[in-house]
Protein backbone atom coordinates (compact mmCIF):
# COMPACT_ATOMS: atom_id res chain seq x y z
CA MET A 1 7.14 -1.57 20.02
CA THR A 2 4.79 -1.60 17.02
CA SER A 3 3.49 1.89 17.72
CA ASN A 4 7.00 3.31 17.91
CA LEU A 5 8.15 1.39 14.83
CA LEU A 6 5.30 2.52 12.58
CA LYS A 7 5.71 6.12 13.75
CA LYS A 8 9.47 5.91 13.19
CA LEU A 9 8.78 4.67 9.65
CA ASN A 10 6.56 7.77 9.18
CA PHE A 11 3.27 5.92 8.79
CA LYS A 12 0.24 8.17 9.04
CA ARG A 13 -3.02 6.87 10.44
CA ASN A 14 -5.36 5.50 7.70
CA TRP A 15 -3.09 6.54 4.83
CA ILE A 16 -2.87 3.80 2.21
CA TYR A 17 0.67 2.87 1.17
CA GLU A 18 1.45 0.85 -1.94
CA VAL A 19 3.59 -2.21 -1.23
CA ILE A 20 4.22 -5.67 -2.62
CA VAL A 21 2.74 -8.42 -0.47
CA THR A 22 4.44 -11.79 -0.73
CA THR A 23 2.97 -15.06 0.48
CA ASN A 24 3.73 -18.75 0.39
CA GLY A 25 1.34 -21.46 -0.79
CA ASP A 26 2.10 -23.85 -3.62
CA GLY A 27 5.05 -21.57 -4.19
CA ARG A 28 5.79 -17.93 -3.55
CA ASN A 29 3.23 -15.38 -4.68
CA ALA A 30 3.58 -11.61 -4.99
CA ALA A 31 0.91 -8.95 -5.44
CA PRO A 32 0.91 -5.14 -5.37
CA MET A 33 -1.44 -4.01 -2.63
CA GLY A 34 -2.35 -1.13 -0.36
CA ILE A 35 -1.81 -1.31 3.40
CA TYR A 36 -2.72 1.06 6.23
CA THR A 37 -2.62 1.36 9.99
CA PRO A 38 -5.74 2.46 11.84
CA ASP A 39 -3.99 2.65 15.21
CA PHE A 40 -0.18 2.32 14.83
CA GLU A 41 -0.47 -1.16 16.34
CA HIS A 42 -1.86 -3.11 13.37
CA ILE A 43 -1.33 -3.25 9.63
CA CYS A 44 -4.55 -3.78 7.67
CA LEU A 45 -5.25 -4.64 4.05
CA ASN A 46 -8.23 -5.57 1.95
CA VAL A 47 -7.62 -8.60 -0.24
CA TYR A 48 -9.90 -9.93 -2.96
CA LYS A 49 -11.45 -13.09 -1.56
CA SER A 50 -10.88 -15.07 -4.78
CA SER A 51 -7.14 -14.27 -5.04
CA GLU A 52 -4.23 -16.60 -4.48
CA THR A 53 -2.82 -14.03 -2.09
CA CYS A 54 -5.92 -14.22 0.09
CA ARG A 55 -5.93 -18.03 0.09
CA ASN A 56 -2.24 -18.15 1.03
CA ILE A 57 -2.60 -15.63 3.85
CA LEU A 58 -5.68 -17.34 5.29
CA ASN A 59 -3.93 -20.73 5.17
CA SER A 60 -0.60 -19.72 6.71
CA LYS A 61 -1.62 -16.55 8.62
CA ILE A 62 1.86 -15.18 7.76
CA PHE A 63 2.86 -12.79 4.96
CA VAL A 64 5.48 -10.16 4.14
CA VAL A 65 4.99 -6.53 3.16
CA ASN A 66 7.87 -5.37 0.94
CA PHE A 67 8.54 -1.62 0.75
CA VAL A 68 9.42 -0.87 -2.85
CA ASP A 69 9.64 2.33 -4.86
CA ASP A 70 10.69 0.73 -8.16
CA ILE A 71 7.68 0.72 -10.52
CA GLU A 72 9.26 -2.09 -12.54
CA LEU A 73 9.10 -4.33 -9.45
CA PHE A 74 5.41 -3.43 -9.04
CA TYR A 75 4.91 -4.34 -12.70
CA SER A 76 6.67 -7.69 -12.28
CA ALA A 77 4.68 -8.39 -9.12
CA SER A 78 1.41 -7.62 -10.91
CA LEU A 79 2.35 -10.35 -13.40
CA ASP A 80 3.96 -12.48 -10.66
CA THR A 81 6.97 -13.04 -12.92
CA ASP A 82 10.67 -12.17 -13.00
CA LEU A 83 10.88 -11.61 -9.25
CA GLU A 84 13.96 -12.39 -7.23
CA TYR A 85 13.79 -13.17 -3.54
CA VAL A 86 16.38 -13.02 -0.79
CA GLY A 87 17.27 -16.70 -0.39
CA ASN A 88 14.28 -18.84 0.55
CA SER A 89 12.47 -15.95 2.24
CA LEU A 90 9.45 -13.93 1.12
CA VAL A 91 11.58 -10.77 0.98
CA LEU A 92 12.03 -9.32 -2.49
CA ASN A 93 15.42 -8.30 -3.86
CA GLY A 94 15.15 -4.56 -4.34
CA ALA A 95 12.92 -3.93 -1.34
CA SER A 96 14.25 -1.16 0.90
CA GLY A 97 12.69 -2.92 3.87
CA TYR A 98 10.00 -5.34 4.91
CA LEU A 99 7.52 -6.22 7.63
CA GLU A 100 6.76 -9.83 8.39
CA LEU A 101 3.17 -9.97 9.61
CA GLU A 102 0.83 -12.42 11.31
CA VAL A 103 -2.93 -12.20 10.85
CA ASN A 104 -4.81 -11.47 14.06
CA GLY A 105 -8.19 -10.38 12.67
CA ILE A 106 -10.36 -11.33 9.70
CA GLU A 107 -13.54 -9.67 8.39
CA ARG A 108 -15.18 -11.18 5.33
CA SER A 109 -17.56 -9.61 2.82
CA ASP A 110 -18.86 -10.85 -0.53
CA THR A 111 -15.75 -9.93 -2.51
CA VAL A 112 -13.10 -8.70 -0.06
CA THR A 113 -11.45 -10.04 3.06
CA LYS A 114 -10.16 -7.38 5.44
CA LEU A 115 -7.12 -8.60 7.32
CA SER A 116 -5.66 -7.07 10.44
CA SER A 117 -2.17 -8.14 11.38
CA ARG A 118 0.59 -7.63 13.89
CA ILE A 119 4.27 -7.21 13.18
CA ILE A 120 6.49 -10.22 13.83
CA ASP A 121 9.68 -8.89 12.27
CA TYR A 122 11.00 -5.77 10.56
CA SER A 123 14.13 -5.02 8.60
CA GLY A 124 15.10 -1.97 6.63
CA GLU A 125 18.17 -0.50 5.01
CA GLY A 126 18.41 3.25 5.34
CA GLU A 127 15.23 5.22 4.85
CA ILE A 128 12.07 3.36 3.91
CA TYR A 129 10.12 5.17 1.24
CA LEU A 130 6.40 4.86 1.88
CA LEU A 131 4.68 5.10 -1.49
CA ASN A 132 1.35 6.93 -1.31
CA ARG A 133 -0.31 7.96 -4.58
CA ALA A 134 -1.81 11.21 -3.22
CA LYS A 135 1.29 13.30 -3.91
CA PHE A 136 1.36 12.28 -7.56
CA LEU A 137 -2.40 12.68 -8.01
CA ALA A 138 -2.22 16.18 -6.51
CA LEU A 139 0.56 17.06 -8.94
CA GLU A 140 -1.52 15.73 -11.84
CA CYS A 141 -4.50 17.83 -10.68
CA LEU A 142 -2.31 20.91 -10.53
CA ILE A 143 -1.07 20.31 -14.07
CA MET A 144 -4.59 19.64 -15.40
CA SER A 145 -5.84 22.86 -13.79
CA THR A 146 -3.38 24.93 -15.86
CA LYS A 147 -4.56 23.60 -19.25
CA PRO A 148 -6.83 25.66 -21.50
CA VAL A 149 -9.46 22.93 -21.26
CA ILE A 150 -9.56 21.97 -17.60
CA ALA A 151 -10.40 18.33 -16.88
CA LYS A 152 -12.61 19.15 -13.89
CA LYS A 153 -14.31 15.74 -13.88
CA GLN A 154 -10.91 13.98 -13.66
CA ILE A 155 -9.74 16.37 -10.93
CA LEU A 156 -12.88 15.63 -8.91
CA GLU A 157 -12.28 11.88 -9.32
CA TYR A 158 -8.67 12.22 -8.19
CA TYR A 159 -9.84 14.30 -5.23
CA GLN A 160 -12.05 11.41 -4.08
CA VAL A 161 -9.09 9.02 -4.34
CA ILE A 162 -6.83 11.38 -2.39
CA LYS A 163 -9.44 11.69 0.38
CA LYS A 164 -9.41 7.89 0.65
CA ILE A 165 -5.67 7.22 0.49
CA ALA A 166 -4.37 10.28 2.38
CA PRO A 167 -7.19 11.61 4.56
CA ARG A 168 -6.75 15.12 5.97
CA SER A 169 -3.45 15.52 4.13
CA ARG A 170 -1.97 18.60 2.55
CA TYR A 171 -2.63 16.92 -0.80
CA GLU A 172 -6.34 16.81 -0.04
CA ARG A 173 -6.23 20.50 0.95
CA ILE A 174 -4.33 21.51 -2.21
CA VAL A 175 -6.68 19.70 -4.58
CA LYS A 176 -9.72 21.06 -2.73
CA ASP A 177 -8.28 24.54 -3.27
CA ILE A 178 -7.74 23.77 -6.98
CA ILE A 179 -11.37 22.64 -7.27
CA ASP A 180 -12.61 25.78 -5.54
CA ARG A 181 -10.63 27.93 -8.00
CA ILE A 182 -11.75 26.28 -11.25
């Protein structure tokens, strides 16, 4: 079921999608974060070990990924203020859909905890918009390449980000072509 669901939602393997992760501890907590699937069976994320989000997930093993395309909601989540939830759940008002996840794998490093999880529940209204920054970074690179003073260093930095968040994508190919032409 998971494989079919993630493919139906248009996930691409190892692409990083920006979401708002909500958890429960001494109260609800929300944090913008990137998620990815290495295999269409699991959702993975890297969480700073010292964060409240990490502590809450490790304690309860349950969290929610909210699909959001409203930048104001990301802003509110980054401050963890002015957020409205659907009843007593961890689902954010304004989310076009959500995945409820249960941790089934933990890898720790000095600063980051990599979590692997399986889907417990999914709900979505209409089309879920998966927010990946590569499209916008590629557009920015294109615009920068047309300026009289080309910001090649910035384009190269964005190219590295695109390779990480959308590997083998058309955005990576486009920006590589821009770099080869400047």
